Amino acid sequence: MNDAAATPGYTLLAPLNSKSIYLVDAKGEVAHTWTTQYAPGGVTRFLPNGHVLRSAQVPEPKRFHGGGIAGRIEELDWDGNVVWFYELADEERILHHDFDVLPNGNLICIAWEYHSPEEVRAHGRAPKFVNEEGLWTDVLIEVARKSPNGGEIVWTWRSWDHLAQDVDPKAPNYGDIASFPGRLDLNADHRYLPKESDEDREKREERERQMRGLGYVGGGDPDEPDDARHDRSKKPADGKDAPAKLPADGADAPKGAPADKKDGAPPKPKGEIGADWMHSNSVAHLAAHDLLVVSSPHLCEVFVLDHSTTTAEAATESGGRWKRGGALLYRYGHARNYGRGDATSRKLFYQHNPTWLHTADANELRLLVFNNGSKRPGKEYSSVDELVLPFDPKQGFTRAADAAFGPTEPAWSYKDEERFFSAFISGAQRLPNGNTLVCEGAKGRVFEVTRGAKVLWDYWSPLGGDIEPAKHGGKAPPKALFRAERIAPDHPGLRGKL
């Protein structure tokens, strides 16, 4: 479908089952192709010089595996030649899913960071939910590019530096979870696991079969070596002492946590609780306020962080423009994770691709989020939600005492409960004319919709399927797309090329 009112331009596609990248015109015909050496690891971005910058899977990653695994970022010119690359793929850290380009040309990248089972237990993770592969927490790194290849890490934020737990009074960061909304509950992913009915179990197992195909859930890799695991460090990267423990509230176990096995609780559900704790799938920078938004689908939340900090400040809760260091300035999607709601309070369901929206007032902050709808109560369906954030340019992000961060409802939302659903991957892009380009990733569908919910362009990708699935990345649905990006016909990168 190609309505005459559809936004002109080309659409950038990087099928997950292909080493090729495509520009597709309004008629759905391929206008240009880049052929690459590596399977995609997540995002592909079009640059002002006509090059593409992409996340790619290294062939034999150490330790890590699963959907979105990468290890490499590479830049290809118009003819497909690699003109620069950077790799981070060792037993301690590996790049995954996404990166963003800062105004100075540096890259903000997401990486997994390994913590051994012993270290995780020592930091207050409930022992029965410590995976044999340890815990992979997420870090953000800023990479300054070097010539001809490589880069230098010039800034780091670690989720491991901002934890809270109420399991072990002798472990770090112990206290009442509800008192620390700027920290991540180390036991949030299993705290409220429900008892399953037979129907719920069947639905979960079917969903896991589908998502395991993309590497999102599952057990350990049988080819993964089990040696060389060690306790990283109890101190932040700047060498300062670790943050002081939270005030003790007398609790001996996580509130609402499942009972011990002897009390009849089911054994650890391996498909649900894996080493990949947050699985952050997106990062985006807002230059006007030097903020970062990060998406964690496993926790069903988006977080906003202060990028103006130093690395040392980012490991603490002081410093930076907003005087909060690396603490979470804002969070949205699952208020129960920080003691500000219940099961009915949840707003996001395995979301992807939050992006900052351009507004006439730089102090009005809005996000566009692909809300996948996986495990949405009742009928599962996806939506694209526009959120107005509670932001004051002097105070930062605001909320009432003992309340969750707003908004209560999206300012705008698109949904089609009968036709529109992708349980994982996917994304959305707000176009200059106010329309929205939506990537329904699992189906390989890309469509443009107006604010009045009229579909103007509807494309079902026939591309992909030309490579075997990467061994450590999982098998994606045949025509799956991680994201899609509309490129304007007057984009400087296209000048003189098409």
Protein backbone atom coordinates (compact mmCIF):
# COMPACT_ATOMS: atom_id res chain seq x y z
CA MET A 1 0.00 0.00 0.00
CA ASN A 2 1.36 3.42 -0.96
CA ASP A 3 -1.07 6.30 -0.45
CA ALA A 4 -0.24 9.53 -2.31
CA ALA A 5 -0.22 11.30 1.08
CA ALA A 6 2.55 9.07 2.45
CA THR A 7 5.80 10.77 3.44
CA PRO A 8 8.27 10.64 0.54
CA GLY A 9 11.66 9.06 0.96
CA TYR A 10 13.46 5.77 1.35
CA THR A 11 13.30 3.24 4.17
CA LEU A 12 16.46 1.73 5.64
CA LEU A 13 16.11 -1.97 6.49
CA ALA A 14 18.61 -4.44 7.94
CA PRO A 15 16.87 -7.84 8.13
CA LEU A 16 18.01 -9.96 11.06
CA ASN A 17 18.46 -12.99 8.80
CA SER A 18 20.67 -11.21 6.29
CA LYS A 19 24.13 -9.73 6.00
CA SER A 20 22.74 -7.19 3.54
CA ILE A 21 21.31 -3.74 4.26
CA TYR A 22 18.71 -2.18 1.97
CA LEU A 23 17.24 1.16 1.00
CA VAL A 24 13.66 0.60 -0.17
CA ASP A 25 11.74 3.24 -2.11
CA ALA A 26 8.08 4.21 -1.72
CA LYS A 27 7.01 1.48 -4.14
CA GLY A 28 8.76 -1.15 -2.05
CA GLU A 29 11.55 -1.66 -4.57
CA VAL A 30 15.18 -1.94 -3.50
CA ALA A 31 17.03 1.23 -4.47
CA HIS A 32 20.41 0.39 -2.95
CA THR A 33 22.11 -2.51 -1.18
CA TRP A 34 25.10 -2.79 1.12
CA THR A 35 26.65 -6.26 1.47
CA THR A 36 28.46 -6.94 4.73
CA GLN A 37 30.65 -9.63 6.28
CA TYR A 38 28.79 -10.04 9.59
CA ALA A 39 25.25 -10.80 10.70
CA PRO A 40 23.47 -7.79 12.24
CA GLY A 41 23.68 -7.33 15.98
CA GLY A 42 20.90 -4.77 16.30
CA VAL A 43 20.66 -1.19 15.08
CA THR A 44 21.77 0.22 11.71
CA ARG A 45 21.95 4.01 11.27
CA PHE A 46 22.26 6.17 8.15
CA LEU A 47 24.86 8.94 8.39
CA PRO A 48 24.95 12.42 6.79
CA ASN A 49 27.87 11.33 4.56
CA GLY A 50 25.87 8.48 3.02
CA HIS A 51 27.59 5.80 5.08
CA VAL A 52 25.86 3.34 7.39
CA LEU A 53 26.94 2.68 10.97
CA ARG A 54 25.82 -0.71 12.20
CA SER A 55 25.93 -3.10 15.11
CA ALA A 56 27.34 -6.49 14.04
CA GLN A 57 27.84 -9.93 15.57
CA VAL A 58 31.39 -11.10 16.11
CA PRO A 59 31.67 -14.74 14.96
CA GLU A 60 32.69 -16.44 18.23
CA PRO A 61 31.78 -14.34 21.27
CA LYS A 62 33.17 -15.35 24.64
CA ARG A 63 30.74 -16.22 27.43
CA PHE A 64 27.77 -14.18 26.22
CA HIS A 65 24.93 -15.25 23.89
CA GLY A 66 21.36 -14.32 23.04
CA GLY A 67 19.20 -11.92 21.06
CA GLY A 68 20.87 -8.60 20.27
CA ILE A 69 24.42 -9.83 20.84
CA ALA A 70 26.92 -7.81 18.82
CA GLY A 71 30.52 -7.12 19.89
CA ARG A 72 31.29 -4.89 16.91
CA ILE A 73 30.27 -1.52 15.46
CA GLU A 74 31.35 -0.81 11.90
CA GLU A 75 30.99 2.00 9.38
CA LEU A 76 30.47 1.14 5.72
CA ASP A 77 30.73 3.58 2.85
CA TRP A 78 28.17 3.75 0.03
CA ASP A 79 29.90 0.88 -1.77
CA GLY A 80 29.99 -1.36 1.30
CA ASN A 81 33.65 -0.92 2.19
CA VAL A 82 34.43 -0.97 5.92
CA VAL A 83 36.04 2.39 6.69
CA TRP A 84 36.09 2.06 10.50
CA PHE A 85 35.24 -0.46 13.20
CA TYR A 86 35.34 -0.87 16.95
CA GLU A 87 35.09 -4.12 18.90
CA LEU A 88 34.37 -4.90 22.53
CA ALA A 89 33.82 -8.62 23.01
CA ASP A 90 35.67 -10.36 25.83
CA GLU A 91 34.74 -12.43 28.87
CA GLU A 92 33.89 -9.36 30.93
CA ARG A 93 31.92 -7.18 28.50
CA ILE A 94 30.33 -7.32 25.06
CA LEU A 95 28.41 -4.76 23.01
CA HIS A 96 24.76 -5.52 22.35
CA HIS A 97 21.66 -4.14 20.62
CA ASP A 98 22.08 -0.39 20.23
CA PHE A 99 24.23 2.73 20.18
CA ASP A 100 23.60 6.43 19.54
CA VAL A 101 25.81 9.08 17.95
CA LEU A 102 26.54 12.14 20.10
CA PRO A 103 26.88 15.66 18.66
CA ASN A 104 30.69 15.42 19.05
CA GLY A 105 30.81 12.20 17.02
CA ASN A 106 31.38 9.91 19.99
CA LEU A 107 29.18 6.84 20.39
CA ILE A 108 27.05 5.87 23.38
CA CYS A 109 26.89 2.08 23.42
CA ILE A 110 25.17 -0.62 25.49
CA ALA A 111 27.20 -3.57 26.77
CA TRP A 112 26.65 -6.56 29.00
CA GLU A 113 28.95 -6.84 32.02
CA TYR A 114 29.58 -10.21 33.68
CA HIS A 115 29.26 -10.89 37.41
CA SER A 116 29.97 -14.35 38.83
CA PRO A 117 27.33 -16.29 40.80
CA GLU A 118 29.42 -15.80 43.95
CA GLU A 119 29.59 -12.03 43.45
CA VAL A 120 25.88 -11.79 42.75
CA ARG A 121 24.94 -13.74 45.88
CA ALA A 122 27.33 -11.58 47.91
CA HIS A 123 25.48 -8.48 46.72
CA GLY A 124 22.05 -9.64 47.86
CA ARG A 125 20.54 -11.57 44.98
CA ALA A 126 18.10 -14.19 46.28
CA PRO A 127 20.20 -17.40 46.08
CA LYS A 128 17.55 -19.55 44.37
CA PHE A 129 17.46 -17.05 41.50
CA VAL A 130 21.20 -16.91 40.88
CA ASN A 131 21.77 -18.36 37.42
CA GLU A 132 24.69 -20.70 36.86
CA GLU A 133 25.95 -18.20 34.27
CA GLY A 134 26.04 -15.44 36.85
CA LEU A 135 24.37 -12.12 36.10
CA TRP A 136 24.89 -9.91 33.08
CA THR A 137 24.17 -6.33 34.09
CA ASP A 138 24.13 -3.47 31.58
CA VAL A 139 26.66 -0.70 31.20
CA LEU A 140 26.73 2.36 28.98
CA ILE A 141 30.04 3.38 27.50
CA GLU A 142 30.97 6.46 25.51
CA VAL A 143 33.51 5.63 22.82
CA ALA A 144 35.69 8.29 21.19
CA ARG A 145 36.59 7.04 17.73
CA LYS A 146 40.23 6.61 16.75
CA SER A 147 41.73 6.51 13.29
CA PRO A 148 41.98 4.34 11.32
CA ASN A 149 40.10 1.93 13.63
CA GLY A 150 39.20 1.40 17.25
CA GLY A 151 38.22 3.79 19.98
CA GLU A 152 38.76 4.91 23.56
CA ILE A 153 36.19 4.59 26.34
CA VAL A 154 35.90 8.10 27.80
CA TRP A 155 32.80 7.69 30.00
CA THR A 156 31.02 4.81 31.71
CA TRP A 157 27.79 4.25 33.60
CA ARG A 158 27.21 0.89 35.31
CA SER A 159 23.85 -0.37 36.51
CA TRP A 160 25.82 -2.43 39.07
CA ASP A 161 26.70 0.82 40.87
CA HIS A 162 23.02 1.64 41.47
CA LEU A 163 21.43 -1.36 43.16
CA ALA A 164 19.14 -1.88 46.11
CA GLN A 165 18.23 -5.16 47.80
CA ASP A 166 16.30 -6.34 50.86
CA VAL A 167 17.44 -9.97 50.97
CA ASP A 168 20.73 -9.92 52.87
CA PRO A 169 21.33 -7.38 55.67
CA LYS A 170 25.06 -8.10 55.49
CA ALA A 171 25.34 -7.40 51.77
CA PRO A 172 25.82 -3.96 50.17
CA ASN A 173 22.88 -1.67 49.39
CA TYR A 174 20.48 -3.28 51.85
CA GLY A 175 17.26 -1.47 52.74
CA ASP A 176 13.68 -0.72 51.83
CA ILE A 177 13.33 -0.81 48.05
CA ALA A 178 10.55 1.79 48.07
CA SER A 179 12.90 4.33 49.66
CA PHE A 180 15.28 4.32 46.70
CA PRO A 181 13.52 5.00 43.39
CA GLY A 182 16.86 6.08 41.91
CA ARG A 183 18.23 2.54 42.23
CA LEU A 184 17.48 -0.83 40.64
CA ASP A 185 16.06 -3.64 42.74
CA LEU A 186 18.46 -6.56 42.28
CA ASN A 187 15.55 -8.96 42.75
CA ALA A 188 12.92 -7.13 40.70
CA ASP A 189 12.85 -9.70 37.90
CA HIS A 190 11.57 -12.51 40.11
CA ARG A 191 9.94 -10.71 43.02
CA TYR A 192 6.36 -11.07 41.85
CA LEU A 193 6.39 -14.26 39.83
CA PRO A 194 2.80 -15.55 39.91
CA LYS A 195 1.58 -19.09 40.33
CA GLU A 196 0.66 -20.24 36.85
CA SER A 197 -2.55 -21.83 35.69
CA ASP A 198 -2.27 -24.52 33.03
CA GLU A 199 -3.51 -22.03 30.44
CA ASP A 200 -0.97 -19.41 31.50
CA ARG A 201 1.82 -21.99 31.44
CA GLU A 202 0.91 -23.04 27.90
CA LYS A 203 0.88 -19.42 26.75
CA ARG A 204 4.23 -18.76 28.40
CA GLU A 205 5.83 -21.85 26.90
CA GLU A 206 4.59 -20.93 23.43
CA ARG A 207 5.88 -17.37 23.84
CA GLU A 208 9.24 -18.70 25.02
CA ARG A 209 9.47 -20.99 22.00
CA GLN A 210 8.95 -18.00 19.75
CA MET A 211 11.35 -15.75 21.66
CA ARG A 212 13.96 -18.47 22.08
CA GLY A 213 14.15 -18.43 18.31
CA LEU A 214 15.51 -14.91 18.63
CA GLY A 215 17.77 -15.82 21.56
CA TYR A 216 15.86 -13.79 24.14
CA VAL A 217 15.39 -16.58 26.67
CA GLY A 218 16.91 -19.94 27.40
CA GLY A 219 19.60 -21.74 29.30
CA GLY A 220 23.33 -21.67 29.02
CA ASP A 221 25.29 -22.21 25.85
CA PRO A 222 26.76 -25.74 26.00
CA ASP A 223 29.86 -24.53 24.16
CA GLU A 224 30.47 -21.69 26.60
CA PRO A 225 33.59 -22.19 28.77
CA ASP A 226 32.93 -22.17 32.48
CA ASP A 227 36.40 -21.13 33.60
CA ALA A 228 38.07 -17.75 33.98
CA ARG A 229 35.13 -16.47 36.04
CA HIS A 230 36.13 -14.23 38.89
CA ASP A 231 34.86 -11.56 41.20
CA ARG A 232 35.29 -8.31 39.27
CA SER A 233 35.60 -5.74 42.02
CA LYS A 234 33.65 -4.42 44.93
CA LYS A 235 34.66 -0.86 44.01
CA PRO A 236 33.58 1.52 41.25
CA ALA A 237 35.97 2.14 38.37
CA ASP A 238 37.27 5.35 39.96
CA GLY A 239 38.73 3.40 42.88
CA LYS A 240 36.50 4.95 45.53
CA ASP A 241 34.82 2.85 48.15
CA ALA A 242 31.57 1.25 47.16
CA PRO A 243 28.39 3.14 48.13
CA ALA A 244 27.33 2.73 51.74
CA LYS A 245 24.62 0.24 52.61
CA LEU A 246 21.06 1.41 52.57
CA PRO A 247 19.45 1.87 55.97
CA ALA A 248 18.26 -1.48 57.28
CA ASP A 249 14.53 -1.89 57.78
CA GLY A 250 14.65 -5.24 59.50
CA ALA A 251 13.43 -7.25 56.52
CA ASP A 252 14.95 -10.68 56.09
CA ALA A 253 13.69 -11.50 52.58
CA PRO A 254 12.33 -9.62 49.58
CA LYS A 255 8.77 -8.53 50.14
CA GLY A 256 6.46 -10.53 47.93
CA ALA A 257 9.23 -12.94 46.91
CA PRO A 258 8.37 -16.57 46.29
CA ALA A 259 8.64 -18.88 49.27
CA ASP A 260 11.51 -21.32 49.68
CA LYS A 261 11.24 -24.54 47.73
CA LYS A 262 10.48 -26.48 50.93
CA ASP A 263 7.32 -24.37 51.27
CA GLY A 264 6.00 -25.58 47.94
CA ALA A 265 7.34 -22.89 45.61
CA PRO A 266 8.18 -24.12 42.12
CA PRO A 267 11.83 -24.61 41.16
CA LYS A 268 13.65 -21.76 39.45
CA PRO A 269 11.99 -21.27 36.03
CA LYS A 270 15.06 -21.32 33.85
CA GLY A 271 13.32 -19.93 30.79
CA GLU A 272 12.12 -16.88 32.74
CA ILE A 273 15.12 -16.11 34.95
CA GLY A 274 18.36 -16.08 33.02
CA ALA A 275 21.70 -14.34 33.32
CA ASP A 276 20.63 -11.46 31.06
CA TRP A 277 19.06 -9.31 33.77
CA MET A 278 17.98 -6.04 32.09
CA HIS A 279 18.43 -6.85 28.39
CA SER A 280 18.59 -3.13 27.56
CA ASN A 281 17.68 -2.79 23.90
CA SER A 282 17.85 0.94 23.23
CA VAL A 283 19.73 4.10 24.15
CA ALA A 284 19.04 7.63 22.88
CA HIS A 285 20.68 10.97 23.70
CA LEU A 286 18.91 14.31 24.17
CA ALA A 287 21.44 17.03 23.43
CA ALA A 288 19.43 19.95 24.86
CA HIS A 289 19.71 18.59 28.41
CA ASP A 290 22.46 15.97 27.97
CA LEU A 291 20.14 13.16 29.02
CA LEU A 292 20.05 9.50 28.04
CA VAL A 293 16.98 7.29 27.85
CA VAL A 294 17.51 3.54 28.15
CA SER A 295 14.96 0.76 27.65
CA SER A 296 14.97 -2.44 29.74
CA PRO A 297 12.29 -4.82 28.41
CA HIS A 298 13.02 -7.47 31.03
CA LEU A 299 12.13 -4.95 33.75
CA CYS A 300 9.44 -3.32 31.54
CA GLU A 301 10.80 0.15 32.27
CA VAL A 302 12.52 3.06 30.57
CA PHE A 303 15.10 5.03 32.54
CA VAL A 304 16.54 8.53 32.12
CA LEU A 305 20.15 9.20 33.16
CA ASP A 306 22.38 12.26 33.42
CA HIS A 307 25.15 12.09 30.83
CA SER A 308 26.80 15.30 32.09
CA THR A 309 28.55 13.40 34.90
CA THR A 310 32.12 12.21 34.99
CA THR A 311 32.68 8.46 35.16
CA ALA A 312 33.49 8.82 38.87
CA GLU A 313 30.28 10.79 39.49
CA ALA A 314 28.25 8.28 37.45
CA ALA A 315 29.20 5.60 40.00
CA THR A 316 27.69 7.67 42.83
CA GLU A 317 24.51 9.63 43.54
CA SER A 318 26.01 13.11 43.44
CA GLY A 319 27.47 15.39 40.78
CA GLY A 320 26.49 16.25 37.24
CA ARG A 321 24.02 18.81 35.99
CA TRP A 322 21.17 17.42 38.08
CA LYS A 323 23.32 16.72 41.19
CA ARG A 324 22.24 13.07 41.28
CA GLY A 325 25.28 11.42 39.75
CA GLY A 326 24.38 8.17 38.01
CA ALA A 327 21.11 7.60 39.89
CA LEU A 328 17.97 7.10 37.82
CA LEU A 329 16.47 10.55 37.31
CA TYR A 330 13.23 9.20 35.88
CA ARG A 331 11.65 5.80 35.32
CA TYR A 332 8.41 4.73 33.74
CA GLY A 333 6.58 1.57 32.89
CA HIS A 334 6.49 -0.65 35.97
CA ALA A 335 6.18 1.38 39.18
CA ARG A 336 5.90 -1.80 41.23
CA ASN A 337 9.65 -2.23 40.67
CA TYR A 338 10.29 0.66 43.06
CA GLY A 339 7.39 0.20 45.45
CA ARG A 340 5.03 2.73 43.89
CA GLY A 341 2.29 0.53 42.48
CA ASP A 342 0.81 -2.92 42.13
CA ALA A 343 0.16 -5.38 39.31
CA THR A 344 -2.43 -3.03 37.79
CA SER A 345 -0.02 -0.09 37.64
CA ARG A 346 2.10 -1.46 34.83
CA LYS A 347 2.23 0.69 31.67
CA LEU A 348 4.90 -0.96 29.50
CA PHE A 349 5.04 -4.55 28.30
CA TYR A 350 8.44 -5.58 26.94
CA GLN A 351 8.90 -2.21 25.23
CA HIS A 352 11.50 -1.20 22.63
CA ASN A 353 13.02 1.89 21.03
CA PRO A 354 12.09 4.94 23.18
CA THR A 355 13.14 8.07 21.28
CA TRP A 356 13.12 11.73 22.20
CA LEU A 357 10.65 13.82 20.22
CA HIS A 358 11.42 17.28 18.90
CA THR A 359 9.21 19.93 20.52
CA ALA A 360 8.92 23.68 20.04
CA ASP A 361 9.70 24.12 23.74
CA ALA A 362 13.03 22.50 24.63
CA ASN A 363 11.84 22.15 28.21
CA GLU A 364 8.88 19.98 27.25
CA LEU A 365 10.22 16.45 27.11
CA ARG A 366 8.39 13.77 25.15
CA LEU A 367 9.20 10.17 24.34
CA LEU A 368 7.88 7.87 21.64
CA VAL A 369 7.90 4.21 22.73
CA PHE A 370 7.06 0.97 20.93
CA ASN A 371 5.03 -0.79 23.64
CA ASN A 372 5.20 -4.42 22.49
CA GLY A 373 2.31 -5.66 24.62
CA SER A 374 3.83 -9.01 25.55
CA LYS A 375 1.92 -10.29 28.61
CA ARG A 376 -0.43 -7.31 28.47
CA PRO A 377 -3.46 -8.24 30.63
CA GLY A 378 -6.32 -9.64 28.63
CA LYS A 379 -5.59 -9.49 24.93
CA GLU A 380 -1.96 -9.05 23.88
CA TYR A 381 -1.47 -6.27 21.34
CA SER A 382 1.20 -3.70 20.55
CA SER A 383 0.86 0.06 20.73
CA VAL A 384 3.01 3.07 19.93
CA ASP A 385 2.78 5.50 22.86
CA GLU A 386 3.75 9.16 23.09
CA LEU A 387 4.61 10.22 26.62
CA VAL A 388 4.87 13.73 28.09
CA LEU A 389 7.41 13.52 30.88
CA PRO A 390 6.98 15.38 34.21
CA PHE A 391 9.97 17.68 33.78
CA ASP A 392 10.85 21.07 35.21
CA PRO A 393 13.99 22.77 33.79
CA LYS A 394 15.02 23.90 37.30
CA GLN A 395 14.01 20.89 39.39
CA GLY A 396 14.42 18.09 36.87
CA PHE A 397 11.94 15.21 36.87
CA THR A 398 9.13 15.59 39.38
CA ARG A 399 6.61 13.36 41.10
CA ALA A 400 4.39 13.61 44.16
CA ALA A 401 5.64 12.06 47.39
CA ASP A 402 5.01 8.30 47.54
CA ALA A 403 3.64 8.37 43.97
CA ALA A 404 4.88 6.89 40.72
CA PHE A 405 6.40 8.96 37.96
CA GLY A 406 3.87 10.09 35.40
CA PRO A 407 2.27 10.28 32.98
CA THR A 408 -0.86 8.40 33.90
CA GLU A 409 -1.82 7.98 30.23
CA PRO A 410 -0.06 8.57 26.90
CA ALA A 411 -0.62 11.89 25.13
CA TRP A 412 -1.17 9.88 21.93
CA SER A 413 -1.29 6.20 21.14
CA TYR A 414 -1.72 4.04 18.08
CA LYS A 415 -3.10 0.52 18.35
CA ASP A 416 -4.97 -2.01 16.24
CA GLU A 417 -5.81 -4.86 18.58
CA GLU A 418 -6.82 -7.26 15.82
CA ARG A 419 -3.90 -6.72 13.47
CA PHE A 420 -0.95 -5.08 15.22
CA PHE A 421 1.23 -7.18 17.55
CA SER A 422 4.94 -7.92 17.79
CA ALA A 423 5.96 -9.48 21.10
CA PHE A 424 9.62 -8.50 20.71
CA ILE A 425 12.06 -6.37 18.63
CA SER A 426 10.31 -3.48 16.69
CA GLY A 427 10.39 0.32 16.86
CA ALA A 428 8.82 3.62 15.82
CA GLN A 429 10.04 6.87 14.27
CA ARG A 430 8.22 10.21 14.40
CA LEU A 431 8.43 11.83 10.97
CA PRO A 432 8.78 15.61 10.44
CA ASN A 433 5.15 15.95 9.28
CA GLY A 434 3.83 14.38 12.49
CA ASN A 435 3.15 10.94 11.04
CA THR A 436 4.80 7.90 12.59
CA LEU A 437 6.76 5.13 10.88
CA VAL A 438 6.17 1.84 12.70
CA CYS A 439 8.28 -1.30 12.44
CA GLU A 440 6.29 -4.39 13.49
CA GLY A 441 9.52 -6.29 13.74
CA ALA A 442 8.63 -9.95 14.19
CA LYS A 443 6.44 -9.90 11.06
CA GLY A 444 8.80 -7.80 8.95
CA ARG A 445 6.08 -5.20 8.48
CA VAL A 446 6.73 -1.44 8.22
CA PHE A 447 3.91 1.08 7.94
CA GLU A 448 3.27 4.81 8.18
CA VAL A 449 0.32 6.04 10.24
CA THR A 450 -1.17 9.50 10.80
CA ARG A 451 -2.13 10.91 14.19
CA GLY A 452 -5.69 10.03 13.23
CA ALA A 453 -4.67 6.34 12.88
CA LYS A 454 -4.90 6.24 9.08
CA VAL A 455 -2.33 3.92 7.50
CA LEU A 456 -0.74 5.61 4.46
CA TRP A 457 2.05 3.17 3.61
CA ASP A 458 2.11 -0.53 4.39
CA TYR A 459 5.11 -2.67 3.45
CA TRP A 460 5.69 -6.35 4.20
CA SER A 461 9.37 -7.10 3.72
CA PRO A 462 10.30 -9.97 1.40
CA LEU A 463 13.96 -9.44 2.34
CA GLY A 464 16.19 -11.60 4.49
CA GLY A 465 16.58 -15.30 5.00
CA ASP A 466 19.82 -15.48 3.02
CA ILE A 467 22.01 -16.55 5.97
CA GLU A 468 21.96 -19.25 8.59
CA PRO A 469 21.17 -17.85 12.06
CA ALA A 470 24.25 -16.90 14.02
CA LYS A 471 25.19 -19.62 16.51
CA HIS A 472 25.19 -17.35 19.56
CA GLY A 473 22.48 -14.92 18.51
CA GLY A 474 19.45 -17.13 18.09
CA LYS A 475 17.19 -17.72 15.10
CA ALA A 476 14.93 -14.81 14.18
CA PRO A 477 11.59 -15.18 12.37
CA PRO A 478 12.21 -15.38 8.61
CA LYS A 479 11.63 -11.73 7.66
CA ALA A 480 12.25 -10.14 11.07
CA LEU A 481 13.44 -6.54 11.32
CA PHE A 482 15.04 -5.00 14.40
CA ARG A 483 13.97 -1.50 13.31
CA ALA A 484 13.33 0.65 10.26
CA GLU A 485 14.29 4.25 9.46
CA ARG A 486 12.73 6.62 6.91
CA ILE A 487 15.33 8.68 5.02
CA ALA A 488 14.11 11.94 3.45
CA PRO A 489 14.77 12.26 -0.31
CA ASP A 490 16.78 15.46 0.32
CA HIS A 491 18.93 13.87 3.03
CA PRO A 492 22.56 15.03 2.51
CA GLY A 493 23.72 11.40 2.53
CA LEU A 494 21.67 10.69 -0.62
CA ARG A 495 22.83 13.72 -2.59
CA GLY A 496 24.09 12.61 -6.00
CA LYS A 497 23.66 8.93 -5.19
CA LEU A 498 20.14 7.96 -6.28
